[in-house]
């Protein structure tokens, strides 16, 4: 029984540790508008708001729009702080497929999706900006807690049957 409780505690600790590490704060990017198409060598203005915990506008310090091409090339565009968590950045890209995100002094890069830049100007950015871990970790924590409670109930029942026997 002691080994089982130790194992349950270890599993719970290992599952909940990443949640505790990321609990200090997080922010998301809320894009005001994104062009429907991107053409090469054309300047576009993108505006966005940093939201602490997805709700409150917050000054995230210096921010940049970061674009990575399929060939590994990286283009960074410094944003202008408009105040109250709002930012504006001018972006000019060459033809190609670019994954992009917004980086800041306060948080890790927020992935925003992919932009296809061509004379035909086919696709606008796609993606939610939500990191998979933001969804997976809370679900894993709840499942671990449920498993732990169920295991403790099972152990308690087994020990109760042994005591009465």
N, C-alpha and C. Protein backbone atom coordinates (compact mmCIF):
# COMPACT_ATOMS: atom_id res chain seq x y z
N UNK A 1 0.83 -1.19 0.00
CA UNK A 1 0.00 0.00 0.00
C UNK A 1 0.88 1.26 0.00
N UNK A 2 1.95 1.22 0.78
CA UNK A 2 2.84 2.37 0.85
C UNK A 2 3.47 2.66 -0.51
N UNK A 3 3.86 1.60 -1.23
CA UNK A 3 4.44 1.77 -2.57
C UNK A 3 3.43 2.37 -3.53
N UNK A 4 2.17 1.95 -3.42
CA UNK A 4 1.13 2.48 -4.30
C UNK A 4 0.92 3.97 -4.05
N UNK A 5 0.85 4.36 -2.77
CA UNK A 5 0.67 5.77 -2.45
C UNK A 5 1.86 6.60 -2.91
N UNK A 6 3.06 6.05 -2.76
CA UNK A 6 4.26 6.75 -3.22
C UNK A 6 4.21 6.93 -4.74
N UNK A 7 3.80 5.90 -5.46
CA UNK A 7 3.71 5.98 -6.92
C UNK A 7 2.66 7.02 -7.33
N UNK A 8 1.52 7.01 -6.66
CA UNK A 8 0.46 7.99 -6.98
C UNK A 8 0.96 9.40 -6.73
N UNK A 9 1.63 9.60 -5.61
CA UNK A 9 2.16 10.92 -5.30
C UNK A 9 3.18 11.38 -6.32
N UNK A 10 4.04 10.46 -6.75
CA UNK A 10 5.05 10.79 -7.75
C UNK A 10 4.41 11.17 -9.09
N UNK A 11 3.43 10.39 -9.52
CA UNK A 11 2.73 10.70 -10.78
C UNK A 11 2.05 12.05 -10.67
N UNK A 12 1.37 12.31 -9.56
CA UNK A 12 0.69 13.60 -9.39
C UNK A 12 1.68 14.75 -9.40
N UNK A 13 2.80 14.60 -8.71
CA UNK A 13 3.80 15.66 -8.66
C UNK A 13 4.40 15.94 -10.03
N UNK A 14 4.71 14.89 -10.77
CA UNK A 14 5.29 15.07 -12.10
C UNK A 14 4.30 15.70 -13.07
N UNK A 15 3.03 15.40 -12.91
CA UNK A 15 2.01 15.97 -13.79
C UNK A 15 1.74 17.42 -13.45
N UNK A 16 1.69 17.74 -12.18
CA UNK A 16 1.34 19.08 -11.76
C UNK A 16 2.52 20.05 -11.78
N UNK A 17 3.74 19.55 -11.79
CA UNK A 17 4.92 20.42 -11.80
C UNK A 17 4.93 21.39 -12.97
N UNK A 18 4.67 20.96 -14.21
CA UNK A 18 4.66 21.93 -15.31
C UNK A 18 3.58 23.00 -15.12
N UNK A 19 2.46 22.66 -14.52
CA UNK A 19 1.42 23.66 -14.28
C UNK A 19 1.91 24.72 -13.31
N UNK A 20 2.58 24.29 -12.26
CA UNK A 20 3.10 25.24 -11.28
C UNK A 20 4.15 26.14 -11.91
N UNK A 21 4.97 25.58 -12.78
CA UNK A 21 6.02 26.37 -13.43
C UNK A 21 5.44 27.41 -14.36
N UNK A 22 4.31 27.11 -14.99
CA UNK A 22 3.73 28.06 -15.94
C UNK A 22 2.66 28.94 -15.30
N UNK A 23 2.41 28.78 -14.01
CA UNK A 23 1.33 29.52 -13.36
C UNK A 23 1.67 30.97 -13.10
N UNK A 24 2.93 31.36 -13.27
CA UNK A 24 3.33 32.72 -12.96
C UNK A 24 2.66 33.76 -13.82
N UNK A 25 2.29 33.47 -15.01
CA UNK A 25 1.63 34.43 -15.86
C UNK A 25 1.71 34.02 -17.31
N UNK A 26 0.73 34.42 -18.05
CA UNK A 26 0.75 34.14 -19.47
C UNK A 26 -0.06 35.22 -20.16
N UNK A 27 0.22 35.38 -21.41
CA UNK A 27 -0.49 36.38 -22.19
C UNK A 27 -0.79 35.85 -23.58
N UNK A 28 -1.79 36.43 -24.19
CA UNK A 28 -2.11 36.07 -25.57
C UNK A 28 -2.14 37.33 -26.41
N UNK A 29 -2.05 37.12 -27.70
CA UNK A 29 -2.11 38.22 -28.66
C UNK A 29 -3.51 38.24 -29.26
N UNK A 30 -4.13 39.39 -29.25
CA UNK A 30 -5.41 39.57 -29.93
C UNK A 30 -5.16 40.51 -31.11
N UNK A 31 -5.23 39.95 -32.32
CA UNK A 31 -4.99 40.75 -33.52
C UNK A 31 -6.21 41.62 -33.81
N UNK A 32 -5.97 42.91 -34.08
CA UNK A 32 -7.07 43.80 -34.43
C UNK A 32 -7.56 43.51 -35.84
N UNK A 33 -6.63 43.41 -36.74
CA UNK A 33 -6.99 43.11 -38.12
C UNK A 33 -5.78 42.51 -38.83
N UNK A 34 -6.06 41.66 -39.78
CA UNK A 34 -5.01 41.03 -40.57
C UNK A 34 -5.47 41.11 -42.03
N UNK A 35 -4.60 41.54 -42.92
CA UNK A 35 -5.01 41.61 -44.33
C UNK A 35 -5.47 40.24 -44.84
N UNK A 36 -6.41 40.26 -45.75
CA UNK A 36 -6.91 39.02 -46.34
C UNK A 36 -5.90 38.37 -47.26
N UNK A 37 -5.01 39.17 -47.83
CA UNK A 37 -3.97 38.65 -48.72
C UNK A 37 -2.67 39.39 -48.45
N UNK A 38 -1.57 38.74 -48.78
CA UNK A 38 -0.25 39.36 -48.66
C UNK A 38 0.45 39.28 -50.01
N UNK A 39 0.90 40.42 -50.50
CA UNK A 39 1.64 40.47 -51.75
C UNK A 39 3.10 40.78 -51.44
N UNK A 40 4.02 40.27 -52.26
CA UNK A 40 5.44 40.49 -51.99
C UNK A 40 5.81 41.97 -52.05
N UNK A 41 6.76 42.34 -51.19
CA UNK A 41 7.35 43.67 -51.15
C UNK A 41 6.31 44.78 -50.96
N UNK A 42 5.22 44.46 -50.30
CA UNK A 42 4.18 45.43 -49.96
C UNK A 42 4.16 45.56 -48.44
N UNK A 43 4.10 46.79 -47.95
CA UNK A 43 4.11 47.02 -46.51
C UNK A 43 2.69 46.96 -45.96
N UNK A 44 2.53 46.17 -44.90
CA UNK A 44 1.24 46.03 -44.21
C UNK A 44 1.42 46.44 -42.76
N UNK A 45 0.41 47.08 -42.21
CA UNK A 45 0.41 47.44 -40.80
C UNK A 45 -0.47 46.47 -40.04
N UNK A 46 0.13 45.80 -39.06
CA UNK A 46 -0.60 44.87 -38.21
C UNK A 46 -0.71 45.48 -36.82
N UNK A 47 -1.89 45.46 -36.24
CA UNK A 47 -2.08 45.97 -34.90
C UNK A 47 -2.61 44.87 -34.01
N UNK A 48 -2.14 44.86 -32.77
CA UNK A 48 -2.55 43.80 -31.85
C UNK A 48 -2.51 44.31 -30.42
N UNK A 49 -3.14 43.55 -29.54
CA UNK A 49 -3.17 43.85 -28.12
C UNK A 49 -2.65 42.64 -27.35
N UNK A 50 -1.75 42.89 -26.39
CA UNK A 50 -1.32 41.83 -25.48
C UNK A 50 -2.32 41.78 -24.33
N UNK A 51 -2.84 40.58 -24.07
CA UNK A 51 -3.81 40.41 -22.99
C UNK A 51 -3.24 39.46 -21.94
N UNK A 52 -3.05 39.97 -20.72
CA UNK A 52 -2.59 39.12 -19.62
C UNK A 52 -3.73 38.18 -19.25
N UNK A 53 -3.41 36.90 -19.16
CA UNK A 53 -4.40 35.86 -18.82
C UNK A 53 -5.59 35.90 -19.78
N UNK A 54 -5.35 36.40 -20.99
CA UNK A 54 -6.39 36.41 -22.01
C UNK A 54 -7.45 37.47 -21.84
N UNK A 55 -7.27 38.40 -20.87
CA UNK A 55 -8.34 39.35 -20.59
C UNK A 55 -7.89 40.80 -20.48
N UNK A 56 -6.85 41.06 -19.69
CA UNK A 56 -6.49 42.44 -19.36
C UNK A 56 -5.35 42.94 -20.25
N UNK A 57 -5.56 44.05 -20.98
CA UNK A 57 -4.46 44.61 -21.78
C UNK A 57 -3.27 44.94 -20.87
N UNK A 58 -2.07 44.59 -21.33
CA UNK A 58 -0.87 44.80 -20.52
C UNK A 58 0.29 45.22 -21.40
N UNK A 59 1.13 46.08 -20.85
CA UNK A 59 2.35 46.49 -21.55
C UNK A 59 3.33 45.33 -21.48
N UNK A 60 3.67 44.77 -22.63
CA UNK A 60 4.56 43.61 -22.70
C UNK A 60 6.00 44.01 -23.02
N UNK A 61 6.32 45.29 -22.90
CA UNK A 61 7.68 45.74 -23.21
C UNK A 61 7.86 45.83 -24.72
N UNK A 62 9.10 45.65 -25.16
CA UNK A 62 9.39 45.67 -26.59
C UNK A 62 8.85 44.40 -27.23
N UNK A 63 8.16 44.56 -28.36
CA UNK A 63 7.65 43.39 -29.07
C UNK A 63 8.08 43.45 -30.53
N UNK A 64 8.12 42.27 -31.14
CA UNK A 64 8.49 42.15 -32.56
C UNK A 64 7.61 41.11 -33.22
N UNK A 65 7.34 41.34 -34.50
CA UNK A 65 6.73 40.30 -35.33
C UNK A 65 7.91 39.55 -35.95
N UNK A 66 7.92 38.22 -35.78
CA UNK A 66 9.03 37.40 -36.25
C UNK A 66 8.51 36.44 -37.31
N UNK A 67 9.11 36.48 -38.49
CA UNK A 67 8.70 35.63 -39.61
C UNK A 67 9.85 34.70 -39.98
N UNK A 68 9.55 33.40 -40.17
CA UNK A 68 10.56 32.41 -40.56
C UNK A 68 10.14 31.77 -41.89
N UNK A 69 11.05 31.85 -42.86
CA UNK A 69 10.80 31.25 -44.16
C UNK A 69 11.15 29.78 -44.16
N UNK A 70 10.70 29.06 -45.18
CA UNK A 70 10.99 27.63 -45.28
C UNK A 70 12.48 27.36 -45.40
N UNK A 71 13.22 28.29 -45.97
CA UNK A 71 14.66 28.12 -46.13
C UNK A 71 15.46 28.49 -44.88
N UNK A 72 14.78 28.84 -43.80
CA UNK A 72 15.45 29.17 -42.55
C UNK A 72 15.69 30.65 -42.33
N UNK A 73 15.40 31.47 -43.33
CA UNK A 73 15.61 32.90 -43.17
C UNK A 73 14.63 33.47 -42.13
N UNK A 74 15.10 34.47 -41.38
CA UNK A 74 14.29 35.08 -40.33
C UNK A 74 14.22 36.58 -40.57
N UNK A 75 13.02 37.12 -40.46
CA UNK A 75 12.83 38.56 -40.55
C UNK A 75 12.12 39.02 -39.29
N UNK A 76 12.68 40.06 -38.64
CA UNK A 76 12.09 40.62 -37.43
C UNK A 76 11.67 42.07 -37.71
N UNK A 77 10.49 42.41 -37.24
CA UNK A 77 9.98 43.76 -37.41
C UNK A 77 9.61 44.30 -36.03
N UNK A 78 10.27 45.38 -35.61
CA UNK A 78 10.02 45.98 -34.30
C UNK A 78 8.66 46.67 -34.29
N UNK A 79 7.88 46.43 -33.25
CA UNK A 79 6.56 47.03 -33.12
C UNK A 79 6.67 48.33 -32.33
N UNK A 80 5.70 49.20 -32.57
CA UNK A 80 5.59 50.45 -31.83
C UNK A 80 4.55 50.26 -30.73
N UNK A 81 4.92 50.64 -29.50
CA UNK A 81 4.00 50.54 -28.37
C UNK A 81 3.04 51.72 -28.44
N UNK A 82 1.74 51.44 -28.61
CA UNK A 82 0.72 52.48 -28.70
C UNK A 82 0.11 52.81 -27.33
N UNK A 83 0.52 52.07 -26.30
CA UNK A 83 -0.01 52.26 -24.96
C UNK A 83 -1.16 51.32 -24.67
N UNK A 84 -1.39 51.07 -23.38
CA UNK A 84 -2.49 50.22 -22.92
C UNK A 84 -2.46 48.82 -23.56
N UNK A 85 -1.25 48.28 -23.75
CA UNK A 85 -1.12 46.93 -24.28
C UNK A 85 -1.27 46.81 -25.78
N UNK A 86 -1.46 47.92 -26.48
CA UNK A 86 -1.66 47.90 -27.93
C UNK A 86 -0.34 48.17 -28.64
N UNK A 87 -0.17 47.46 -29.78
CA UNK A 87 1.05 47.57 -30.56
C UNK A 87 0.71 47.66 -32.05
N UNK A 88 1.63 48.28 -32.79
CA UNK A 88 1.50 48.38 -34.24
C UNK A 88 2.85 48.04 -34.84
N UNK A 89 2.83 47.23 -35.92
CA UNK A 89 4.07 46.85 -36.57
C UNK A 89 3.87 46.88 -38.08
N UNK A 90 4.87 47.42 -38.78
CA UNK A 90 4.84 47.44 -40.24
C UNK A 90 5.68 46.28 -40.75
N UNK A 91 5.09 45.50 -41.65
CA UNK A 91 5.69 44.26 -42.13
C UNK A 91 5.78 44.29 -43.65
N UNK A 92 6.96 43.97 -44.17
CA UNK A 92 7.15 43.83 -45.61
C UNK A 92 7.87 42.50 -45.84
N UNK A 93 7.24 41.60 -46.60
CA UNK A 93 7.80 40.27 -46.82
C UNK A 93 8.05 40.02 -48.31
N UNK A 94 9.04 39.18 -48.55
CA UNK A 94 9.28 38.73 -49.93
C UNK A 94 8.39 37.51 -50.19
N UNK A 95 8.35 37.10 -51.44
CA UNK A 95 7.51 35.96 -51.82
C UNK A 95 7.95 34.69 -51.09
N UNK A 96 6.97 33.88 -50.69
CA UNK A 96 7.26 32.62 -50.03
C UNK A 96 6.25 32.29 -48.95
N UNK A 97 6.52 31.20 -48.26
CA UNK A 97 5.68 30.75 -47.16
C UNK A 97 6.39 31.10 -45.86
N UNK A 98 5.71 31.80 -44.95
CA UNK A 98 6.31 32.27 -43.72
C UNK A 98 5.47 31.84 -42.52
N UNK A 99 6.10 31.19 -41.55
CA UNK A 99 5.44 31.00 -40.26
C UNK A 99 5.80 32.22 -39.44
N UNK A 100 4.87 32.63 -38.59
CA UNK A 100 5.16 33.85 -37.86
C UNK A 100 4.58 33.84 -36.46
N UNK A 101 5.09 34.77 -35.67
CA UNK A 101 4.61 34.92 -34.31
C UNK A 101 5.00 36.28 -33.78
N UNK A 102 4.56 36.56 -32.58
CA UNK A 102 4.88 37.83 -31.93
C UNK A 102 5.71 37.52 -30.69
N UNK A 103 6.84 38.20 -30.57
CA UNK A 103 7.76 38.00 -29.47
C UNK A 103 7.75 39.24 -28.59
N UNK A 104 7.99 39.07 -27.30
CA UNK A 104 8.05 40.23 -26.40
C UNK A 104 9.10 40.00 -25.32
N UNK A 105 9.38 41.07 -24.58
CA UNK A 105 10.29 40.98 -23.45
C UNK A 105 9.67 40.15 -22.32
N UNK A 106 8.33 40.13 -22.26
CA UNK A 106 7.63 39.53 -21.12
C UNK A 106 7.32 38.05 -21.29
N UNK A 107 7.02 37.61 -22.53
CA UNK A 107 6.59 36.23 -22.74
C UNK A 107 7.31 35.62 -23.93
N UNK A 108 7.22 34.31 -24.01
CA UNK A 108 7.79 33.61 -25.15
C UNK A 108 7.01 33.97 -26.41
N UNK A 109 7.57 33.60 -27.54
CA UNK A 109 6.93 33.92 -28.82
C UNK A 109 5.55 33.26 -28.91
N UNK A 110 4.58 34.03 -29.38
CA UNK A 110 3.23 33.52 -29.61
C UNK A 110 3.13 33.18 -31.09
N UNK A 111 2.93 31.91 -31.39
CA UNK A 111 2.81 31.48 -32.78
C UNK A 111 1.46 31.93 -33.33
N UNK A 112 1.51 32.56 -34.49
CA UNK A 112 0.29 33.13 -35.07
C UNK A 112 -0.17 32.40 -36.33
N UNK A 113 0.64 31.54 -36.88
CA UNK A 113 0.20 30.79 -38.05
C UNK A 113 1.17 30.90 -39.21
N UNK A 114 0.63 30.78 -40.42
CA UNK A 114 1.43 30.80 -41.64
C UNK A 114 0.86 31.83 -42.61
N UNK A 115 1.75 32.51 -43.29
CA UNK A 115 1.37 33.49 -44.31
C UNK A 115 1.96 33.04 -45.64
N UNK A 116 1.14 32.96 -46.65
CA UNK A 116 1.62 32.69 -48.01
C UNK A 116 1.68 34.03 -48.74
N UNK A 117 2.88 34.39 -49.17
CA UNK A 117 3.08 35.66 -49.86
C UNK A 117 3.40 35.35 -51.32
N UNK A 118 2.54 35.83 -52.22
CA UNK A 118 2.79 35.62 -53.65
C UNK A 118 2.08 36.70 -54.43
N UNK A 119 2.42 36.79 -55.72
CA UNK A 119 1.76 37.78 -56.58
C UNK A 119 0.27 37.49 -56.66
N UNK A 120 -0.09 36.21 -56.53
CA UNK A 120 -1.50 35.84 -56.55
C UNK A 120 -2.15 36.15 -55.20
N UNK A 121 -1.32 36.33 -54.16
CA UNK A 121 -1.79 36.69 -52.82
C UNK A 121 -2.91 35.78 -52.35
N UNK A 122 -2.59 34.54 -52.10
CA UNK A 122 -3.62 33.54 -51.82
C UNK A 122 -4.14 33.49 -50.39
N UNK A 123 -3.27 33.43 -49.40
CA UNK A 123 -3.77 33.08 -48.07
C UNK A 123 -3.42 34.11 -47.02
N UNK A 124 -4.35 34.32 -46.12
CA UNK A 124 -4.13 35.16 -44.95
C UNK A 124 -3.58 34.28 -43.83
N UNK A 125 -3.08 34.89 -42.76
CA UNK A 125 -2.56 34.09 -41.65
C UNK A 125 -3.64 33.18 -41.09
N UNK A 126 -3.21 31.99 -40.69
CA UNK A 126 -4.14 31.04 -40.09
C UNK A 126 -3.53 30.57 -38.78
N UNK A 127 -4.38 30.22 -37.86
CA UNK A 127 -3.92 29.73 -36.56
C UNK A 127 -4.62 30.46 -35.45
N UNK A 128 -4.61 29.86 -34.28
CA UNK A 128 -5.32 30.43 -33.14
C UNK A 128 -4.41 31.20 -32.22
N UNK A 129 -3.11 30.95 -32.30
CA UNK A 129 -2.21 31.56 -31.35
C UNK A 129 -2.21 30.85 -30.01
N UNK A 130 -2.98 29.79 -29.86
CA UNK A 130 -3.04 29.04 -28.61
C UNK A 130 -2.02 27.91 -28.66
N UNK A 131 -1.19 27.86 -27.65
CA UNK A 131 -0.21 26.79 -27.56
C UNK A 131 -0.88 25.51 -27.13
N UNK A 132 -0.50 24.35 -27.69
CA UNK A 132 -1.10 23.08 -27.30
C UNK A 132 -0.98 22.80 -25.81
N UNK A 133 0.14 23.20 -25.20
CA UNK A 133 0.30 22.93 -23.77
C UNK A 133 -0.72 23.68 -22.92
N UNK A 134 -1.19 24.83 -23.41
CA UNK A 134 -2.21 25.57 -22.68
C UNK A 134 -3.49 24.75 -22.55
N UNK A 135 -3.73 23.85 -23.47
CA UNK A 135 -4.90 23.00 -23.43
C UNK A 135 -4.62 21.66 -22.76
N UNK A 136 -3.46 21.08 -23.05
CA UNK A 136 -3.15 19.73 -22.59
C UNK A 136 -2.87 19.68 -21.09
N UNK A 137 -2.09 20.63 -20.56
CA UNK A 137 -1.70 20.56 -19.16
C UNK A 137 -2.87 20.60 -18.19
N UNK A 138 -3.85 21.50 -18.35
CA UNK A 138 -4.99 21.47 -17.42
C UNK A 138 -5.78 20.17 -17.51
N UNK A 139 -5.94 19.63 -18.71
CA UNK A 139 -6.66 18.36 -18.87
C UNK A 139 -5.90 17.24 -18.18
N UNK A 140 -4.58 17.21 -18.37
CA UNK A 140 -3.75 16.18 -17.73
C UNK A 140 -3.84 16.29 -16.21
N UNK A 141 -3.85 17.52 -15.69
CA UNK A 141 -3.93 17.71 -14.24
C UNK A 141 -5.25 17.19 -13.69
N UNK A 142 -6.35 17.48 -14.38
CA UNK A 142 -7.66 17.01 -13.93
C UNK A 142 -7.73 15.49 -13.99
N UNK A 143 -7.25 14.90 -15.08
CA UNK A 143 -7.26 13.43 -15.19
C UNK A 143 -6.40 12.78 -14.11
N UNK A 144 -5.25 13.37 -13.83
CA UNK A 144 -4.38 12.84 -12.78
C UNK A 144 -5.06 12.92 -11.42
N UNK A 145 -5.70 14.04 -11.15
CA UNK A 145 -6.41 14.20 -9.88
C UNK A 145 -7.53 13.17 -9.76
N UNK A 146 -8.28 12.97 -10.84
CA UNK A 146 -9.36 11.98 -10.82
C UNK A 146 -8.81 10.58 -10.59
N UNK A 147 -7.72 10.23 -11.27
CA UNK A 147 -7.10 8.92 -11.10
C UNK A 147 -6.62 8.74 -9.66
N UNK A 148 -5.99 9.79 -9.12
CA UNK A 148 -5.47 9.72 -7.76
C UNK A 148 -6.59 9.49 -6.75
N UNK A 149 -7.69 10.23 -6.88
CA UNK A 149 -8.83 10.06 -5.97
C UNK A 149 -9.41 8.66 -6.11
N UNK A 150 -9.58 8.18 -7.34
CA UNK A 150 -10.13 6.83 -7.55
C UNK A 150 -9.22 5.78 -6.95
N UNK A 151 -7.92 5.94 -7.10
CA UNK A 151 -6.97 4.98 -6.55
C UNK A 151 -6.98 5.00 -5.03
N UNK A 152 -7.07 6.18 -4.45
CA UNK A 152 -7.15 6.28 -2.98
C UNK A 152 -8.42 5.63 -2.45
N UNK A 153 -9.54 5.81 -3.13
CA UNK A 153 -10.79 5.18 -2.73
C UNK A 153 -10.65 3.66 -2.81
N UNK A 154 -10.07 3.17 -3.90
CA UNK A 154 -9.88 1.72 -4.06
C UNK A 154 -9.00 1.17 -2.94
N UNK A 155 -7.92 1.86 -2.63
CA UNK A 155 -7.00 1.41 -1.59
C UNK A 155 -7.70 1.42 -0.23
N UNK A 156 -8.46 2.47 0.01
CA UNK A 156 -9.17 2.58 1.29
C UNK A 156 -10.19 1.44 1.44
N UNK A 157 -10.91 1.13 0.37
CA UNK A 157 -11.87 0.03 0.40
C UNK A 157 -11.18 -1.31 0.66
N UNK A 158 -10.06 -1.52 -0.04
CA UNK A 158 -9.31 -2.77 0.14
C UNK A 158 -8.80 -2.91 1.57
N UNK A 159 -8.29 -1.83 2.14
CA UNK A 159 -7.78 -1.89 3.50
C UNK A 159 -8.92 -2.07 4.50
N UNK A 160 -10.12 -1.55 4.18
CA UNK A 160 -11.29 -1.73 5.04
C UNK A 160 -11.75 -3.17 5.05
N UNK A 161 -11.70 -3.82 3.88
CA UNK A 161 -12.08 -5.23 3.79
C UNK A 161 -11.08 -6.10 4.55
N UNK A 162 -9.81 -5.76 4.50
CA UNK A 162 -8.79 -6.54 5.19
C UNK A 162 -8.93 -6.41 6.70
N UNK A 163 -9.31 -5.22 7.16
CA UNK A 163 -9.44 -4.98 8.59
C UNK A 163 -10.62 -5.76 9.18
N UNK A 164 -11.70 -5.92 8.40
CA UNK A 164 -12.88 -6.62 8.89
C UNK A 164 -12.76 -8.13 8.76
N UNK A 165 -11.82 -8.59 7.95
CA UNK A 165 -11.69 -10.03 7.70
C UNK A 165 -11.01 -10.75 8.83
